[in-house]
Amino acid sequence: MAKISETDLILNKDGSVYHLNLLPKHISDTVIAVGDPNRVYSVSQYFDEVEFEMNKREFITHVGKYKNKRITVISTGIGTDNIEIFFNELDALVNVDLKTRTIKPKKKKLNIIRIGTSGALQEDIPLGAHLVTDFAVGFDNLMNFYKLNLSEFEHSTAEDIEKKLKLNFRPYVVEGSRILKEQLGAEMLAGNTVTCPGFYAPQGRAIRLPLQFPKLLDDANYYHNGDFWLTNFEMETSAYYAFARMLGHEAISINAVIANRIKNKFSKNPTKVVDGLIKKVLDRI
């Protein structure tokens, strides 16, 4: 069996993976992923105990137990490029023998839950809502470097979005875990999340720079293909869903809606909205 080279999978002196600085023993079957490093503490404050902590760049990790269930919570920072690092190293920790640098014959499947924030694209989505993502729509170009297989529906929807939003690039559309949605998403709004490669122009915001797509917000708001509507903007979900499919894991993205872009309203207490979502997810794991 071919070995993975030292430059393809970089390990630290203690044998941990390069960016996450973690060993296989630190990865639980359930992994909660958050963008903001401070949000790791917002999750682990509810643990019965914290057995391990690691701080490395924006990747903060706590491992502990909640109601006797072992959970690993990791921060990723912002953007799909960070999710690429997170997912490849996380998978290597459970599906690669790091000592022999060979892929294990029997693969382990993780349950990966993103708890994040986003802005609503539909007027009727209230501030403070909790939204579970059915399909992610990637406006980033990350999947140009990977072989991601799309269903016929995903492929045709991507083509339709490109045409109707008058984009000069082809987005990708990928579905999340139906299993985790059923487990965690009860009584939440369900929607289709646009993942953007930036916070300002890619989400229709302008300060001093002109926009390539000045009608992006309106076009995203009005877009629909049958009952498929675009519900919210954020910056990571498409990468979670794409890598989960390619690597054989279950992944779901659950969003605290802290802004409504159509109404130009922002939550007065976003911390409370996120905290409520954290507790809801923990109780359903």
Protein backbone atom coordinates (compact mmCIF):
# COMPACT_ATOMS: atom_id res chain seq x y z
CA MET A 1 0.00 0.00 0.00
CA ALA A 2 1.38 3.40 -1.03
CA LYS A 3 2.58 5.67 1.72
CA ILE A 4 1.36 9.25 1.98
CA SER A 5 4.36 11.54 1.67
CA GLU A 6 5.66 13.78 4.43
CA THR A 7 4.73 16.86 2.40
CA ASP A 8 1.20 15.69 1.55
CA LEU A 9 0.37 14.92 5.17
CA ILE A 10 2.56 17.00 7.46
CA LEU A 11 2.91 15.84 11.05
CA ASN A 12 4.33 17.65 14.06
CA LYS A 13 7.15 16.18 16.17
CA ASP A 14 4.64 14.64 18.58
CA GLY A 15 2.87 12.86 15.70
CA SER A 16 -0.10 15.24 15.65
CA VAL A 17 -1.52 16.63 12.39
CA TYR A 18 0.04 19.90 11.32
CA HIS A 19 -2.64 22.58 11.72
CA LEU A 20 -5.09 21.06 14.20
CA ASN A 21 -2.24 19.78 16.42
CA LEU A 22 -4.41 16.80 17.40
CA LEU A 23 -3.86 13.05 17.78
CA PRO A 24 -6.39 10.33 16.87
CA LYS A 25 -7.38 9.89 20.53
CA HIS A 26 -8.75 13.44 20.57
CA ILE A 27 -11.44 12.80 17.96
CA SER A 28 -14.87 11.71 19.20
CA ASP A 29 -17.51 10.11 17.01
CA THR A 30 -19.38 13.42 17.22
CA VAL A 31 -17.53 16.61 16.29
CA ILE A 32 -19.05 20.06 16.71
CA ALA A 33 -17.43 22.68 14.49
CA VAL A 34 -17.69 26.42 15.05
CA GLY A 35 -16.11 29.33 13.23
CA ASP A 36 -15.31 31.68 16.10
CA PRO A 37 -12.62 30.33 18.46
CA ASN A 38 -14.42 31.92 21.41
CA ARG A 39 -17.49 29.84 20.56
CA VAL A 40 -15.60 26.68 21.57
CA TYR A 41 -15.79 27.91 25.16
CA SER A 42 -19.48 28.72 24.67
CA VAL A 43 -20.02 25.04 23.84
CA SER A 44 -17.68 23.41 26.36
CA GLN A 45 -19.05 25.47 29.27
CA TYR A 46 -21.96 23.02 29.22
CA PHE A 47 -19.75 19.92 29.30
CA ASP A 48 -19.78 17.83 32.46
CA GLU A 49 -16.00 17.73 32.16
CA VAL A 50 -13.29 18.88 29.74
CA GLU A 51 -10.56 16.27 29.37
CA PHE A 52 -8.36 17.98 26.77
CA GLU A 53 -7.68 21.43 25.32
CA MET A 54 -5.52 22.50 22.39
CA ASN A 55 -4.89 26.02 21.05
CA LYS A 56 -3.25 26.27 17.62
CA ARG A 57 -3.80 29.34 15.44
CA GLU A 58 -7.56 29.69 14.89
CA PHE A 59 -8.03 25.97 15.56
CA ILE A 60 -9.10 25.68 19.19
CA THR A 61 -10.16 22.22 20.41
CA HIS A 62 -11.92 21.04 23.56
CA VAL A 63 -12.77 17.40 24.20
CA GLY A 64 -15.23 16.51 26.93
CA LYS A 65 -18.47 14.86 27.93
CA TYR A 66 -22.03 16.14 27.86
CA LYS A 67 -24.56 13.89 29.60
CA ASN A 68 -22.05 11.04 29.33
CA LYS A 69 -21.56 11.52 25.56
CA ARG A 70 -18.01 12.26 24.43
CA ILE A 71 -17.83 15.27 22.11
CA THR A 72 -14.99 17.08 20.36
CA VAL A 73 -15.58 20.75 19.58
CA ILE A 74 -13.19 22.55 17.20
CA SER A 75 -13.08 26.09 15.84
CA THR A 76 -12.16 26.55 12.19
CA GLY A 77 -11.95 30.28 11.66
CA ILE A 78 -13.72 31.83 8.68
CA GLY A 79 -14.04 30.54 5.13
CA THR A 80 -14.06 27.38 3.04
CA ASP A 81 -10.26 27.33 2.75
CA ASN A 82 -10.09 26.70 6.50
CA ILE A 83 -12.74 24.00 6.22
CA GLU A 84 -10.53 22.25 3.65
CA ILE A 85 -7.70 22.09 6.20
CA PHE A 86 -10.07 21.08 9.00
CA PHE A 87 -11.75 18.28 7.04
CA ASN A 88 -8.63 16.76 5.49
CA GLU A 89 -6.78 16.64 8.81
CA LEU A 90 -9.83 15.49 10.76
CA ASP A 91 -10.37 12.61 8.32
CA ALA A 92 -6.68 11.70 8.40
CA LEU A 93 -6.87 11.39 12.18
CA VAL A 94 -9.47 8.63 11.94
CA ASN A 95 -8.85 7.03 8.54
CA VAL A 96 -5.07 7.13 8.11
CA ASP A 97 -2.52 5.17 10.13
CA LEU A 98 -0.25 8.11 10.98
CA LYS A 99 2.69 5.85 11.91
CA THR A 100 2.78 3.92 8.63
CA ARG A 101 1.28 6.79 6.58
CA THR A 102 -1.16 4.40 4.92
CA ILE A 103 -4.94 4.60 4.53
CA LYS A 104 -6.80 2.25 6.85
CA PRO A 105 -8.77 -0.48 5.07
CA LYS A 106 -11.82 0.05 7.29
CA LYS A 107 -13.10 3.64 7.24
CA LYS A 108 -14.63 5.45 10.20
CA LYS A 109 -17.62 7.72 9.71
CA LEU A 110 -17.88 10.84 11.87
CA ASN A 111 -20.93 12.96 12.67
CA ILE A 112 -19.87 16.57 12.08
CA ILE A 113 -22.20 19.36 13.19
CA ARG A 114 -21.55 22.97 12.23
CA ILE A 115 -23.03 25.53 14.60
CA GLY A 116 -22.76 28.90 12.90
CA THR A 117 -24.34 32.27 12.24
CA SER A 118 -25.85 33.63 9.05
CA GLY A 119 -27.97 36.34 7.49
CA ALA A 120 -31.43 35.58 6.11
CA LEU A 121 -32.23 36.15 2.43
CA GLN A 122 -36.00 35.94 2.82
CA GLU A 123 -38.12 38.57 4.53
CA ASP A 124 -40.20 36.02 6.45
CA ILE A 125 -37.22 34.43 8.24
CA PRO A 126 -37.18 36.10 11.68
CA LEU A 127 -34.15 37.23 13.60
CA GLY A 128 -33.30 34.64 16.21
CA ALA A 129 -34.49 31.71 14.11
CA HIS A 130 -32.57 28.44 14.01
CA LEU A 131 -32.16 27.16 10.45
CA VAL A 132 -30.93 23.75 9.32
CA THR A 133 -29.43 23.60 5.83
CA ASP A 134 -30.82 21.09 3.33
CA PHE A 135 -28.61 22.08 0.39
CA ALA A 136 -25.53 24.30 0.31
CA VAL A 137 -24.81 26.47 -2.73
CA GLY A 138 -21.09 27.11 -3.08
CA PHE A 139 -20.09 30.45 -4.58
CA ASP A 140 -16.47 29.63 -3.72
CA ASN A 141 -14.13 27.91 -6.18
CA LEU A 142 -12.78 25.23 -3.84
CA MET A 143 -14.47 22.33 -5.60
CA ASN A 144 -12.68 23.21 -8.85
CA PHE A 145 -9.72 21.41 -7.26
CA TYR A 146 -11.62 18.26 -6.22
CA LYS A 147 -13.75 15.65 -7.93
CA LEU A 148 -17.14 16.14 -6.32
CA ASN A 149 -19.97 14.04 -7.73
CA LEU A 150 -23.31 15.86 -7.91
CA SER A 151 -26.76 14.39 -8.34
CA GLU A 152 -28.77 15.32 -11.41
CA PHE A 153 -30.88 17.67 -9.27
CA GLU A 154 -27.80 19.32 -7.75
CA HIS A 155 -26.19 19.77 -11.16
CA SER A 156 -29.29 21.23 -12.81
CA THR A 157 -29.94 23.54 -9.85
CA ALA A 158 -26.37 24.85 -10.03
CA GLU A 159 -26.85 25.61 -13.73
CA ASP A 160 -30.15 27.34 -13.03
CA ILE A 161 -28.68 29.51 -10.27
CA GLU A 162 -25.78 30.52 -12.52
CA LYS A 163 -28.22 31.57 -15.24
CA LYS A 164 -30.84 33.35 -13.16
CA LEU A 165 -28.38 35.17 -10.89
CA LYS A 166 -26.37 36.16 -13.99
CA LEU A 167 -23.12 34.86 -12.52
CA ASN A 168 -19.91 34.53 -14.51
CA PHE A 169 -19.03 31.29 -12.71
CA ARG A 170 -20.77 27.98 -11.99
CA PRO A 171 -21.68 27.44 -8.33
CA TYR A 172 -21.98 23.93 -6.90
CA VAL A 173 -24.93 22.55 -4.99
CA VAL A 174 -24.61 19.71 -2.49
CA GLU A 175 -27.00 18.17 0.04
CA GLY A 176 -26.22 17.70 3.72
CA SER A 177 -26.86 14.69 5.94
CA ARG A 178 -30.49 13.62 6.04
CA ILE A 179 -29.70 11.47 9.07
CA LEU A 180 -28.37 14.37 11.14
CA LYS A 181 -31.13 16.68 9.94
CA GLU A 182 -33.73 14.24 11.23
CA GLN A 183 -31.88 13.88 14.53
CA LEU A 184 -31.17 17.55 15.19
CA GLY A 185 -33.45 19.68 13.03
CA ALA A 186 -36.90 19.15 14.55
CA GLU A 187 -38.95 22.39 14.70
CA MET A 188 -36.15 24.34 13.00
CA LEU A 189 -36.60 26.18 9.73
CA ALA A 190 -35.15 24.25 6.79
CA GLY A 191 -33.46 26.08 3.95
CA ASN A 192 -30.80 26.25 1.28
CA THR A 193 -27.68 28.14 2.25
CA VAL A 194 -25.43 30.19 -0.04
CA THR A 195 -21.76 29.91 0.94
CA CYS A 196 -19.75 32.96 -0.12
CA PRO A 197 -15.96 33.42 -0.46
CA GLY A 198 -16.10 36.72 1.41
CA PHE A 199 -18.21 38.85 3.74
CA TYR A 200 -18.59 42.05 1.74
CA ALA A 201 -18.97 42.04 -2.05
CA PRO A 202 -19.65 38.25 -2.28
CA GLN A 203 -22.64 38.85 0.01
CA GLY A 204 -23.78 42.02 -1.74
CA ARG A 205 -22.26 44.49 0.73
CA ALA A 206 -20.65 47.71 -0.50
CA ILE A 207 -18.63 50.27 1.45
CA ARG A 208 -16.14 52.00 -0.88
CA LEU A 209 -15.64 49.44 -3.65
CA PRO A 210 -18.00 48.93 -6.61
CA LEU A 211 -19.75 45.56 -6.89
CA GLN A 212 -19.40 43.15 -9.80
CA PHE A 213 -22.93 41.90 -9.07
CA PRO A 214 -24.85 44.92 -7.72
CA LYS A 215 -28.20 43.08 -7.81
CA LEU A 216 -26.91 39.93 -6.11
CA LEU A 217 -28.97 40.39 -2.95
CA ASP A 218 -32.22 40.99 -4.85
CA ASP A 219 -31.55 38.19 -7.32
CA ALA A 220 -30.81 35.73 -4.50
CA ASN A 221 -33.95 36.84 -2.67
CA TYR A 222 -36.21 36.29 -5.71
CA TYR A 223 -34.55 33.14 -6.99
CA HIS A 224 -36.47 29.89 -6.81
CA ASN A 225 -36.65 26.65 -8.75
CA GLY A 226 -40.02 25.19 -7.86
CA ASP A 227 -40.01 25.16 -4.05
CA PHE A 228 -36.21 25.47 -3.88
CA TRP A 229 -35.46 28.94 -2.46
CA LEU A 230 -32.23 30.48 -1.23
CA THR A 231 -32.66 31.24 2.45
CA ASN A 232 -29.41 32.53 3.93
CA PHE A 233 -25.81 33.66 3.34
CA GLU A 234 -22.72 32.46 5.21
CA MET A 235 -19.13 31.37 4.48
CA GLU A 236 -18.50 27.65 5.20
CA THR A 237 -21.41 25.24 4.70
CA SER A 238 -20.73 24.22 1.09
CA ALA A 239 -17.28 22.92 2.03
CA TYR A 240 -18.68 20.93 4.97
CA TYR A 241 -21.20 19.19 2.73
CA ALA A 242 -18.80 18.60 -0.15
CA PHE A 243 -16.01 17.09 1.97
CA ALA A 244 -18.45 14.99 3.98
CA ARG A 245 -19.73 13.45 0.76
CA MET A 246 -16.28 12.86 -0.72
CA LEU A 247 -14.82 11.42 2.49
CA GLY A 248 -17.85 9.44 3.67
CA HIS A 249 -18.89 11.38 6.78
CA GLU A 250 -22.21 12.79 7.94
CA ALA A 251 -22.34 16.59 8.15
CA ILE A 252 -25.07 19.10 8.91
CA SER A 253 -24.98 22.88 9.19
CA ILE A 254 -27.25 24.60 11.69
CA ASN A 255 -27.41 28.36 11.66
CA ALA A 256 -28.41 31.01 14.15
CA VAL A 257 -30.04 33.74 12.08
CA ILE A 258 -28.65 37.00 13.47
CA ALA A 259 -29.38 39.28 10.48
CA ASN A 260 -32.09 39.72 7.89
CA ARG A 261 -30.46 41.14 4.78
CA ILE A 262 -33.76 42.00 3.08
CA LYS A 263 -35.07 43.99 6.04
CA ASN A 264 -31.59 45.34 6.89
CA LYS A 265 -32.05 44.26 10.49
CA PHE A 266 -29.41 42.84 12.85
CA SER A 267 -30.07 40.96 16.10
CA LYS A 268 -29.89 43.03 19.29
CA ASN A 269 -28.53 40.02 21.19
CA PRO A 270 -26.75 37.60 18.82
CA THR A 271 -24.94 35.87 21.71
CA LYS A 272 -28.27 34.80 23.21
CA VAL A 273 -29.45 33.42 19.84
CA VAL A 274 -26.28 31.37 19.39
CA ASP A 275 -26.32 30.16 22.99
CA GLY A 276 -29.87 28.90 22.57
CA LEU A 277 -28.82 26.99 19.46
CA ILE A 278 -25.83 25.44 21.22
CA LYS A 279 -27.97 24.12 24.06
CA LYS A 280 -30.58 22.78 21.62
CA VAL A 281 -27.96 20.90 19.60
CA LEU A 282 -26.22 19.46 22.66
CA ASP A 283 -29.49 18.12 24.03
CA ARG A 284 -30.26 16.40 20.70
CA ILE A 285 -26.91 14.73 20.10
